[in-house]
All heavy atoms as atom14 arrays in JSON, in Angstrom:
{
  "sequence": "KQAEWYLALAYLKAGEREKTNVLLEKISKDAKHP",
  "atom14_mask": [
    [1, 1, 1, 1, 1, 1, 1, 1, 1, 0, 0, 0, 0, 0],
    [1, 1, 1, 1, 1, 1, 1, 1, 1, 0, 0, 0, 0, 0],
    [1, 1, 1, 1, 1, 0, 0, 0, 0, 0, 0, 0, 0, 0],
    [1, 1, 1, 1, 1, 1, 1, 1, 1, 0, 0, 0, 0, 0],
    [1, 1, 1, 1, 1, 1, 1, 1, 1, 1, 1, 1, 1, 1],
    [1, 1, 1, 1, 1, 1, 1, 1, 1, 1, 1, 1, 0, 0],
    [1, 1, 1, 1, 1, 1, 1, 1, 0, 0, 0, 0, 0, 0],
    [1, 1, 1, 1, 1, 0, 0, 0, 0, 0, 0, 0, 0, 0],
    [1, 1, 1, 1, 1, 1, 1, 1, 0, 0, 0, 0, 0, 0],
    [1, 1, 1, 1, 1, 0, 0, 0, 0, 0, 0, 0, 0, 0],
    [1, 1, 1, 1, 1, 1, 1, 1, 1, 1, 1, 1, 0, 0],
    [1, 1, 1, 1, 1, 1, 1, 1, 0, 0, 0, 0, 0, 0],
    [1, 1, 1, 1, 1, 1, 1, 1, 1, 0, 0, 0, 0, 0],
    [1, 1, 1, 1, 1, 0, 0, 0, 0, 0, 0, 0, 0, 0],
    [1, 1, 1, 1, 0, 0, 0, 0, 0, 0, 0, 0, 0, 0],
    [1, 1, 1, 1, 1, 1, 1, 1, 1, 0, 0, 0, 0, 0],
    [1, 1, 1, 1, 1, 1, 1, 1, 1, 1, 1, 0, 0, 0],
    [1, 1, 1, 1, 1, 1, 1, 1, 1, 0, 0, 0, 0, 0],
    [1, 1, 1, 1, 1, 1, 1, 1, 1, 0, 0, 0, 0, 0],
    [1, 1, 1, 1, 1, 1, 1, 0, 0, 0, 0, 0, 0, 0],
    [1, 1, 1, 1, 1, 1, 1, 1, 0, 0, 0, 0, 0, 0],
    [1, 1, 1, 1, 1, 1, 1, 0, 0, 0, 0, 0, 0, 0],
    [1, 1, 1, 1, 1, 1, 1, 1, 0, 0, 0, 0, 0, 0],
    [1, 1, 1, 1, 1, 1, 1, 1, 0, 0, 0, 0, 0, 0],
    [1, 1, 1, 1, 1, 1, 1, 1, 1, 0, 0, 0, 0, 0],
    [1, 1, 1, 1, 1, 1, 1, 1, 1, 0, 0, 0, 0, 0],
    [1, 1, 1, 1, 1, 1, 1, 1, 0, 0, 0, 0, 0, 0],
    [1, 1, 1, 1, 1, 1, 0, 0, 0, 0, 0, 0, 0, 0],
    [1, 1, 1, 1, 1, 1, 1, 1, 1, 0, 0, 0, 0, 0],
    [1, 1, 1, 1, 1, 1, 1, 1, 0, 0, 0, 0, 0, 0],
    [1, 1, 1, 1, 1, 0, 0, 0, 0, 0, 0, 0, 0, 0],
    [1, 1, 1, 1, 1, 1, 1, 1, 1, 0, 0, 0, 0, 0],
    [1, 1, 1, 1, 1, 1, 1, 1, 1, 1, 0, 0, 0, 0],
    [1, 1, 1, 1, 1, 1, 1, 0, 0, 0, 0, 0, 0, 0]
  ],
  "atom14_positions": [
    [[84.37, 99.55, 86.06], [84.36, 100.62, 87.06], [84.5, 100.07, 88.47], [85.18, 100.66, 89.31], [83.11, 101.47, 86.91], [83.13, 102.27, 85.62], [81.97, 103.2, 85.51], [82.1, 103.99, 84.21], [81.31, 105.19, 84.22], [0.0, 0.0, 0.0], [0.0, 0.0, 0.0], [0.0, 0.0, 0.0], [0.0, 0.0, 0.0], [0.0, 0.0, 0.0]],
    [[83.88, 98.96, 88.73], [84.02, 98.33, 90.05], [85.46, 97.88, 90.27], [86.01, 98.01, 91.36], [83.06, 97.15, 90.2], [81.61, 97.55, 90.3], [80.91, 97.78, 88.96], [81.54, 97.86, 87.91], [79.6, 97.88, 88.99], [0.0, 0.0, 0.0], [0.0, 0.0, 0.0], [0.0, 0.0, 0.0], [0.0, 0.0, 0.0], [0.0, 0.0, 0.0]],
    [[86.07, 97.37, 89.2], [87.47, 96.94, 89.28], [88.38, 98.12, 89.6], [89.34, 97.98, 90.36], [87.89, 96.26, 87.98], [0.0, 0.0, 0.0], [0.0, 0.0, 0.0], [0.0, 0.0, 0.0], [0.0, 0.0, 0.0], [0.0, 0.0, 0.0], [0.0, 0.0, 0.0], [0.0, 0.0, 0.0], [0.0, 0.0, 0.0], [0.0, 0.0, 0.0]],
    [[88.07, 99.3, 89.05], [88.85, 100.5, 89.36], [88.8, 100.81, 90.85], [89.82, 101.13, 91.47], [88.31, 101.71, 88.6], [88.57, 101.7, 87.13], [87.92, 102.86, 86.41], [86.91, 103.43, 86.9], [88.41, 103.2, 85.33], [0.0, 0.0, 0.0], [0.0, 0.0, 0.0], [0.0, 0.0, 0.0], [0.0, 0.0, 0.0], [0.0, 0.0, 0.0]],
    [[87.61, 100.73, 91.43], [87.43, 101.02, 92.84], [88.25, 100.04, 93.7], [88.97, 100.45, 94.6], [85.96, 100.95, 93.21], [85.7, 101.01, 94.68], [85.24, 100.01, 95.47], [85.9, 102.13, 95.54], [85.14, 100.42, 96.77], [85.54, 101.73, 96.85], [86.35, 103.44, 95.36], [85.61, 102.58, 97.95], [86.42, 104.29, 96.46], [86.06, 103.86, 97.72]],
    [[88.13, 98.77, 93.4], [88.85, 97.78, 94.2], [90.35, 97.86, 93.99], [91.13, 97.58, 94.9], [88.3, 96.37, 93.96], [86.94, 96.23, 94.59], [85.8, 96.19, 93.82], [86.8, 96.18, 95.97], [84.54, 96.1, 94.41], [85.56, 96.09, 96.58], [84.42, 96.06, 95.79], [83.2, 95.99, 96.38], [0.0, 0.0, 0.0], [0.0, 0.0, 0.0]],
    [[90.77, 98.29, 92.81], [92.19, 98.5, 92.57], [92.68, 99.68, 93.42], [93.76, 99.61, 94.0], [92.47, 98.75, 91.09], [93.93, 98.97, 90.71], [94.81, 97.79, 91.15], [94.05, 99.19, 89.21], [0.0, 0.0, 0.0], [0.0, 0.0, 0.0], [0.0, 0.0, 0.0], [0.0, 0.0, 0.0], [0.0, 0.0, 0.0], [0.0, 0.0, 0.0]],
    [[91.9, 100.73, 93.51], [92.26, 101.87, 94.36], [92.41, 101.41, 95.81], [93.35, 101.81, 96.51], [91.22, 102.98, 94.25], [0.0, 0.0, 0.0], [0.0, 0.0, 0.0], [0.0, 0.0, 0.0], [0.0, 0.0, 0.0], [0.0, 0.0, 0.0], [0.0, 0.0, 0.0], [0.0, 0.0, 0.0], [0.0, 0.0, 0.0], [0.0, 0.0, 0.0]],
    [[91.51, 100.57, 96.27], [91.59, 100.05, 97.64], [92.82, 99.17, 97.81], [93.48, 99.21, 98.86], [90.33, 99.26, 97.99], [89.02, 100.07, 98.06], [87.87, 99.15, 98.42], [89.13, 101.23, 99.02], [0.0, 0.0, 0.0], [0.0, 0.0, 0.0], [0.0, 0.0, 0.0], [0.0, 0.0, 0.0], [0.0, 0.0, 0.0], [0.0, 0.0, 0.0]],
    [[93.16, 98.39, 96.8], [94.34, 97.54, 96.86], [95.6, 98.4, 96.94], [96.52, 98.1, 97.71], [94.4, 96.61, 95.65], [0.0, 0.0, 0.0], [0.0, 0.0, 0.0], [0.0, 0.0, 0.0], [0.0, 0.0, 0.0], [0.0, 0.0, 0.0], [0.0, 0.0, 0.0], [0.0, 0.0, 0.0], [0.0, 0.0, 0.0], [0.0, 0.0, 0.0]],
    [[95.65, 99.47, 96.15], [96.79, 100.38, 96.2], [96.89, 101.02, 97.59], [97.98, 101.13, 98.15], [96.66, 101.48, 95.16], [96.91, 101.07, 93.73], [96.29, 101.74, 92.68], [97.76, 100.02, 93.4], [96.52, 101.4, 91.36], [97.99, 99.67, 92.08], [97.37, 100.36, 91.06], [97.59, 100.02, 89.76], [0.0, 0.0, 0.0], [0.0, 0.0, 0.0]],
    [[95.76, 101.44, 98.12], [95.74, 102.05, 99.45], [96.26, 101.08, 100.5], [97.09, 101.43, 101.34], [94.32, 102.5, 99.78], [94.13, 103.21, 101.11], [94.94, 104.49, 101.17], [92.65, 103.51, 101.33], [0.0, 0.0, 0.0], [0.0, 0.0, 0.0], [0.0, 0.0, 0.0], [0.0, 0.0, 0.0], [0.0, 0.0, 0.0], [0.0, 0.0, 0.0]],
    [[95.78, 99.85, 100.43], [96.2, 98.82, 101.39], [97.71, 98.56, 101.3], [98.35, 98.28, 102.3], [95.42, 97.54, 101.11], [95.62, 96.46, 102.12], [94.72, 95.28, 101.83], [94.89, 94.19, 102.87], [93.99, 93.06, 102.63], [0.0, 0.0, 0.0], [0.0, 0.0, 0.0], [0.0, 0.0, 0.0], [0.0, 0.0, 0.0], [0.0, 0.0, 0.0]],
    [[98.26, 98.68, 100.1], [99.69, 98.45, 99.88], [100.53, 99.68, 100.18], [101.75, 99.63, 100.09], [99.93, 98.0, 98.44], [0.0, 0.0, 0.0], [0.0, 0.0, 0.0], [0.0, 0.0, 0.0], [0.0, 0.0, 0.0], [0.0, 0.0, 0.0], [0.0, 0.0, 0.0], [0.0, 0.0, 0.0], [0.0, 0.0, 0.0], [0.0, 0.0, 0.0]],
    [[99.88, 100.8, 100.53], [100.62, 102.02, 100.83], [101.08, 102.77, 99.61], [101.95, 103.64, 99.69], [0.0, 0.0, 0.0], [0.0, 0.0, 0.0], [0.0, 0.0, 0.0], [0.0, 0.0, 0.0], [0.0, 0.0, 0.0], [0.0, 0.0, 0.0], [0.0, 0.0, 0.0], [0.0, 0.0, 0.0], [0.0, 0.0, 0.0], [0.0, 0.0, 0.0]],
    [[100.51, 102.45, 98.46], [100.88, 103.12, 97.21], [99.99, 104.34, 97.04], [99.04, 104.36, 96.25], [100.75, 102.14, 96.04], [101.69, 100.96, 96.16], [101.61, 100.0, 95.01], [101.71, 100.46, 93.85], [101.43, 98.8, 95.26], [0.0, 0.0, 0.0], [0.0, 0.0, 0.0], [0.0, 0.0, 0.0], [0.0, 0.0, 0.0], [0.0, 0.0, 0.0]],
    [[100.32, 105.38, 97.79], [99.46, 106.56, 97.9], [99.29, 107.3, 96.56], [98.2, 107.75, 96.25], [100.04, 107.49, 98.96], [99.11, 108.53, 99.41], [97.96, 107.9, 100.17], [97.06, 108.95, 100.59], [95.82, 108.76, 100.94], [95.32, 107.56, 100.96], [95.07, 109.75, 101.3], [0.0, 0.0, 0.0], [0.0, 0.0, 0.0], [0.0, 0.0, 0.0]],
    [[100.36, 107.42, 95.79], [100.26, 108.15, 94.52], [99.3, 107.46, 93.55], [98.44, 108.09, 92.95], [101.64, 108.31, 93.88], [101.62, 109.18, 92.64], [103.01, 109.43, 92.08], [103.98, 109.49, 92.86], [103.11, 109.55, 90.86], [0.0, 0.0, 0.0], [0.0, 0.0, 0.0], [0.0, 0.0, 0.0], [0.0, 0.0, 0.0], [0.0, 0.0, 0.0]],
    [[99.44, 106.14, 93.42], [98.54, 105.38, 92.54], [97.1, 105.45, 93.06], [96.16, 105.56, 92.28], [98.98, 103.92, 92.44], [100.25, 103.73, 91.64], [100.6, 102.25, 91.57], [101.82, 102.01, 90.73], [102.15, 100.57, 90.64], [0.0, 0.0, 0.0], [0.0, 0.0, 0.0], [0.0, 0.0, 0.0], [0.0, 0.0, 0.0], [0.0, 0.0, 0.0]],
    [[96.96, 105.39, 94.38], [95.63, 105.49, 94.99], [95.0, 106.82, 94.62], [93.84, 106.87, 94.19], [95.72, 105.38, 96.53], [96.35, 104.15, 96.88], [94.35, 105.43, 97.16], [0.0, 0.0, 0.0], [0.0, 0.0, 0.0], [0.0, 0.0, 0.0], [0.0, 0.0, 0.0], [0.0, 0.0, 0.0], [0.0, 0.0, 0.0], [0.0, 0.0, 0.0]],
    [[95.74, 107.9, 94.81], [95.21, 109.24, 94.55], [94.81, 109.44, 93.1], [93.78, 110.06, 92.82], [96.22, 110.31, 94.98], [96.35, 110.39, 96.48], [95.46, 110.0, 97.23], [97.48, 110.91, 96.94], [0.0, 0.0, 0.0], [0.0, 0.0, 0.0], [0.0, 0.0, 0.0], [0.0, 0.0, 0.0], [0.0, 0.0, 0.0], [0.0, 0.0, 0.0]],
    [[95.62, 108.92, 92.19], [95.31, 109.05, 90.76], [93.98, 108.37, 90.44], [93.12, 108.94, 89.77], [96.45, 108.47, 89.89], [96.02, 108.33, 88.43], [97.7, 109.33, 90.0], [0.0, 0.0, 0.0], [0.0, 0.0, 0.0], [0.0, 0.0, 0.0], [0.0, 0.0, 0.0], [0.0, 0.0, 0.0], [0.0, 0.0, 0.0], [0.0, 0.0, 0.0]],
    [[93.81, 107.18, 90.94], [92.59, 106.43, 90.67], [91.39, 107.05, 91.37], [90.3, 107.15, 90.78], [92.78, 104.96, 91.09], [92.1, 103.9, 90.26], [92.22, 104.12, 88.77], [92.63, 102.54, 90.62], [0.0, 0.0, 0.0], [0.0, 0.0, 0.0], [0.0, 0.0, 0.0], [0.0, 0.0, 0.0], [0.0, 0.0, 0.0], [0.0, 0.0, 0.0]],
    [[91.55, 107.48, 92.61], [90.44, 108.13, 93.32], [90.02, 109.41, 92.62], [88.83, 109.73, 92.56], [90.83, 108.41, 94.77], [90.94, 107.22, 95.69], [91.39, 107.66, 97.08], [89.62, 106.45, 95.79], [0.0, 0.0, 0.0], [0.0, 0.0, 0.0], [0.0, 0.0, 0.0], [0.0, 0.0, 0.0], [0.0, 0.0, 0.0], [0.0, 0.0, 0.0]],
    [[90.97, 110.14, 92.11], [90.66, 111.37, 91.37], [89.83, 111.05, 90.13], [88.84, 111.71, 89.85], [91.97, 112.08, 90.98], [91.77, 113.41, 90.31], [91.23, 114.48, 91.24], [91.44, 114.39, 92.46], [90.58, 115.41, 90.73], [0.0, 0.0, 0.0], [0.0, 0.0, 0.0], [0.0, 0.0, 0.0], [0.0, 0.0, 0.0], [0.0, 0.0, 0.0]],
    [[90.24, 110.04, 89.4], [89.51, 109.63, 88.19], [88.09, 109.21, 88.53], [87.13, 109.63, 87.89], [90.24, 108.48, 87.5], [89.55, 107.96, 86.27], [90.3, 106.79, 85.65], [89.63, 106.39, 84.36], [89.1, 105.08, 84.36], [0.0, 0.0, 0.0], [0.0, 0.0, 0.0], [0.0, 0.0, 0.0], [0.0, 0.0, 0.0], [0.0, 0.0, 0.0]],
    [[87.95, 108.39, 89.56], [86.64, 107.89, 89.96], [85.75, 109.03, 90.44], [84.57, 109.1, 90.08], [86.79, 106.8, 91.05], [87.49, 105.57, 90.49], [85.44, 106.43, 91.65], [87.96, 104.58, 91.55], [0.0, 0.0, 0.0], [0.0, 0.0, 0.0], [0.0, 0.0, 0.0], [0.0, 0.0, 0.0], [0.0, 0.0, 0.0], [0.0, 0.0, 0.0]],
    [[86.29, 109.92, 91.24], [85.48, 111.0, 91.83], [85.0, 112.01, 90.8], [84.05, 112.74, 91.04], [86.26, 111.7, 92.94], [87.37, 112.39, 92.43], [0.0, 0.0, 0.0], [0.0, 0.0, 0.0], [0.0, 0.0, 0.0], [0.0, 0.0, 0.0], [0.0, 0.0, 0.0], [0.0, 0.0, 0.0], [0.0, 0.0, 0.0], [0.0, 0.0, 0.0]],
    [[85.64, 112.06, 89.65], [85.23, 112.99, 88.59], [84.21, 112.38, 87.63], [83.71, 113.07, 86.76], [86.45, 113.46, 87.8], [87.32, 114.41, 88.59], [88.47, 114.9, 87.76], [89.27, 115.93, 88.53], [90.37, 116.46, 87.74], [0.0, 0.0, 0.0], [0.0, 0.0, 0.0], [0.0, 0.0, 0.0], [0.0, 0.0, 0.0], [0.0, 0.0, 0.0]],
    [[83.91, 111.12, 87.8], [82.97, 110.41, 86.93], [81.61, 110.3, 87.63], [81.42, 109.44, 88.49], [83.51, 109.01, 86.6], [82.62, 108.23, 85.66], [81.51, 108.69, 85.32], [83.06, 107.14, 85.24], [0.0, 0.0, 0.0], [0.0, 0.0, 0.0], [0.0, 0.0, 0.0], [0.0, 0.0, 0.0], [0.0, 0.0, 0.0], [0.0, 0.0, 0.0]],
    [[80.69, 111.17, 87.27], [79.38, 111.21, 87.93], [78.6, 109.91, 87.76], [77.69, 109.64, 88.54], [78.57, 112.39, 87.4], [0.0, 0.0, 0.0], [0.0, 0.0, 0.0], [0.0, 0.0, 0.0], [0.0, 0.0, 0.0], [0.0, 0.0, 0.0], [0.0, 0.0, 0.0], [0.0, 0.0, 0.0], [0.0, 0.0, 0.0], [0.0, 0.0, 0.0]],
    [[78.95, 109.12, 86.78], [78.24, 107.85, 86.54], [78.95, 106.65, 87.19], [78.49, 105.53, 87.07], [78.09, 107.61, 85.04], [77.18, 108.61, 84.38], [77.01, 108.32, 82.91], [76.1, 109.35, 82.27], [75.87, 109.08, 80.87], [0.0, 0.0, 0.0], [0.0, 0.0, 0.0], [0.0, 0.0, 0.0], [0.0, 0.0, 0.0], [0.0, 0.0, 0.0]],
    [[80.04, 106.92, 87.87], [80.78, 105.84, 88.51], [80.04, 105.38, 89.76], [79.63, 106.21, 90.57], [82.2, 106.28, 88.87], [83.14, 105.17, 89.08], [83.09, 104.34, 90.19], [84.17, 104.71, 88.32], [84.05, 103.45, 90.11], [84.71, 103.64, 88.97], [0.0, 0.0, 0.0], [0.0, 0.0, 0.0], [0.0, 0.0, 0.0], [0.0, 0.0, 0.0]],
    [[79.86, 104.07, 89.94], [79.1, 103.58, 91.1], [79.76, 103.89, 92.45], [79.1, 103.85, 93.48], [79.0, 102.07, 90.87], [80.05, 101.74, 89.88], [80.29, 102.98, 89.07], [0.0, 0.0, 0.0], [0.0, 0.0, 0.0], [0.0, 0.0, 0.0], [0.0, 0.0, 0.0], [0.0, 0.0, 0.0], [0.0, 0.0, 0.0], [0.0, 0.0, 0.0]]
  ]
}
């Protein structure tokens, strides 16, 4: 789960907005995600 978060940040940093949004959506829907 931590790797998912940092991957989302890496996508954001690279300007890959679509991949960022997909991952952020997944993370934000998981109440147990840190």
